[in-house]
Amino acid sequence: MPLPLIQPDLASGALLRLSMPDHKGGIYRFGGIWRRDTPPGPAEAWLLNQFLMLGAADFEEAGLSDI
C-alpha cells in the first residue's frame, strides 16, 4: 500500500509493517507506452500527467528496494 496513505495507521498502531525478507517493498515504477502514430488522447494524456504529478512526491526510504 502507498506509505503516505497508511502512515497515520502505522503511527497509531492500527497497521503493522510486516517483515518480509523476500520482498522488502519500495517504490513501484510506472511506464507509459503508446504508438508513435497514435499518441495519447485527452483522457490518456490526463491520466499520464496524474501519474507524473503524484509520483513527484515519491521519496526513497532507507532499506527499501526500487521495484
C-alpha atoms as a PDB file:
ATOM      1  CA  MET A   1       0.000   0.000   0.000  1.00  0.00           C
ATOM      2  CA  PRO A   2       1.258   3.535  -0.621  1.00  0.00           C
ATOM      3  CA  LEU A   3       3.035   4.627   2.546  1.00  0.00           C
ATOM      4  CA  PRO A   4       1.576   8.167   2.609  1.00  0.00           C
ATOM      5  CA  LEU A   5      -1.939   6.708   2.640  1.00  0.00           C
ATOM      6  CA  ILE A   6      -1.315   4.396   5.588  1.00  0.00           C
ATOM      7  CA  GLN A   7       1.229   6.419   7.598  1.00  0.00           C
ATOM      8  CA  PRO A   8      -1.383   7.553  10.174  1.00  0.00           C
ATOM      9  CA  ASP A   9      -2.499   3.935  10.704  1.00  0.00           C
ATOM     10  CA  LEU A  10       1.115   2.798  11.119  1.00  0.00           C
ATOM     11  CA  ALA A  11       1.746   5.581  13.628  1.00  0.00           C
ATOM     12  CA  SER A  12      -1.388   4.722  15.633  1.00  0.00           C
ATOM     13  CA  GLY A  13      -0.634   1.005  15.625  1.00  0.00           C
ATOM     14  CA  ALA A  14      -3.787   0.127  13.651  1.00  0.00           C
ATOM     15  CA  LEU A  15      -1.497  -1.349  10.977  1.00  0.00           C
ATOM     16  CA  LEU A  16       1.855  -3.054  11.405  1.00  0.00           C
ATOM     17  CA  ARG A  17       4.616  -3.246   8.831  1.00  0.00           C
ATOM     18  CA  LEU A  18       5.386  -6.899   8.195  1.00  0.00           C
ATOM     19  CA  SER A  19       8.936  -8.136   7.960  1.00  0.00           C
ATOM     20  CA  MET A  20       9.075  -9.966   4.635  1.00  0.00           C
ATOM     21  CA  PRO A  21      12.696 -10.840   3.846  1.00  0.00           C
ATOM     22  CA  ASP A  22      11.966 -11.839   0.232  1.00  0.00           C
ATOM     23  CA  HIS A  23      10.138  -8.608  -0.571  1.00  0.00           C
ATOM     24  CA  LYS A  24      11.082  -5.507   1.355  1.00  0.00           C
ATOM     25  CA  GLY A  25       8.793  -3.195  -0.637  1.00  0.00           C
ATOM     26  CA  GLY A  26       9.795   0.067  -2.208  1.00  0.00           C
ATOM     27  CA  ILE A  27       8.770   2.469  -4.921  1.00  0.00           C
ATOM     28  CA  TYR A  28       6.914   0.930  -7.824  1.00  0.00           C
ATOM     29  CA  ARG A  29       7.912   2.498 -11.120  1.00  0.00           C
ATOM     30  CA  PHE A  30       5.381   3.148 -13.852  1.00  0.00           C
ATOM     31  CA  GLY A  31       5.936   3.464 -17.564  1.00  0.00           C
ATOM     32  CA  GLY A  32       3.525   4.703 -20.201  1.00  0.00           C
ATOM     33  CA  ILE A  33       3.822   3.260 -23.691  1.00  0.00           C
ATOM     34  CA  TRP A  34       1.971   4.232 -26.835  1.00  0.00           C
ATOM     35  CA  ARG A  35       2.406   4.002 -30.583  1.00  0.00           C
ATOM     36  CA  ARG A  36       4.018   6.951 -32.342  1.00  0.00           C
ATOM     37  CA  ASP A  37       1.264   7.047 -34.954  1.00  0.00           C
ATOM     38  CA  THR A  38      -1.493   7.145 -32.291  1.00  0.00           C
ATOM     39  CA  PRO A  39      -0.396   9.453 -29.452  1.00  0.00           C
ATOM     40  CA  PRO A  40      -2.437   9.556 -26.224  1.00  0.00           C
ATOM     41  CA  GLY A  41      -5.797  11.254 -26.489  1.00  0.00           C
ATOM     42  CA  PRO A  42      -7.100  13.741 -23.902  1.00  0.00           C
ATOM     43  CA  ALA A  43      -8.085  11.135 -21.282  1.00  0.00           C
ATOM     44  CA  GLU A  44      -4.848   9.151 -21.629  1.00  0.00           C
ATOM     45  CA  ALA A  45      -2.771  12.326 -21.526  1.00  0.00           C
ATOM     46  CA  TRP A  46      -4.602  13.419 -18.369  1.00  0.00           C
ATOM     47  CA  LEU A  47      -4.010  10.028 -16.700  1.00  0.00           C
ATOM     48  CA  LEU A  48      -0.306  10.003 -17.591  1.00  0.00           C
ATOM     49  CA  ASN A  49       0.007  13.544 -16.235  1.00  0.00           C
ATOM     50  CA  GLN A  50      -1.670  12.466 -12.977  1.00  0.00           C
ATOM     51  CA  PHE A  51       0.872   9.661 -12.572  1.00  0.00           C
ATOM     52  CA  LEU A  52       3.698  12.159 -13.143  1.00  0.00           C
ATOM     53  CA  MET A  53       2.321  14.686 -10.664  1.00  0.00           C
ATOM     54  CA  LEU A  54       1.554  12.122  -7.953  1.00  0.00           C
ATOM     55  CA  GLY A  55       4.871  10.342  -8.459  1.00  0.00           C
ATOM     56  CA  ALA A  56       6.785  13.594  -7.990  1.00  0.00           C
ATOM     57  CA  ALA A  57       6.093  13.304  -4.245  1.00  0.00           C
ATOM     58  CA  ASP A  58       7.661   9.815  -4.010  1.00  0.00           C
ATOM     59  CA  PHE A  59      10.682   9.519  -1.788  1.00  0.00           C
ATOM     60  CA  GLU A  60      13.255   6.838  -1.231  1.00  0.00           C
ATOM     61  CA  GLU A  61      13.035   5.086   2.123  1.00  0.00           C
ATOM     62  CA  ALA A  62      16.084   3.505   3.707  1.00  0.00           C
ATOM     63  CA  GLY A  63      16.153  -0.276   3.378  1.00  0.00           C
ATOM     64  CA  LEU A  64      13.525  -0.497   0.630  1.00  0.00           C
ATOM     65  CA  SER A  65      14.369  -1.521  -2.904  1.00  0.00           C
ATOM     66  CA  ASP A  66      13.389   0.106  -6.167  1.00  0.00           C
ATOM     67  CA  ILE A  67      10.874  -2.198  -7.847  1.00  0.00           C
END
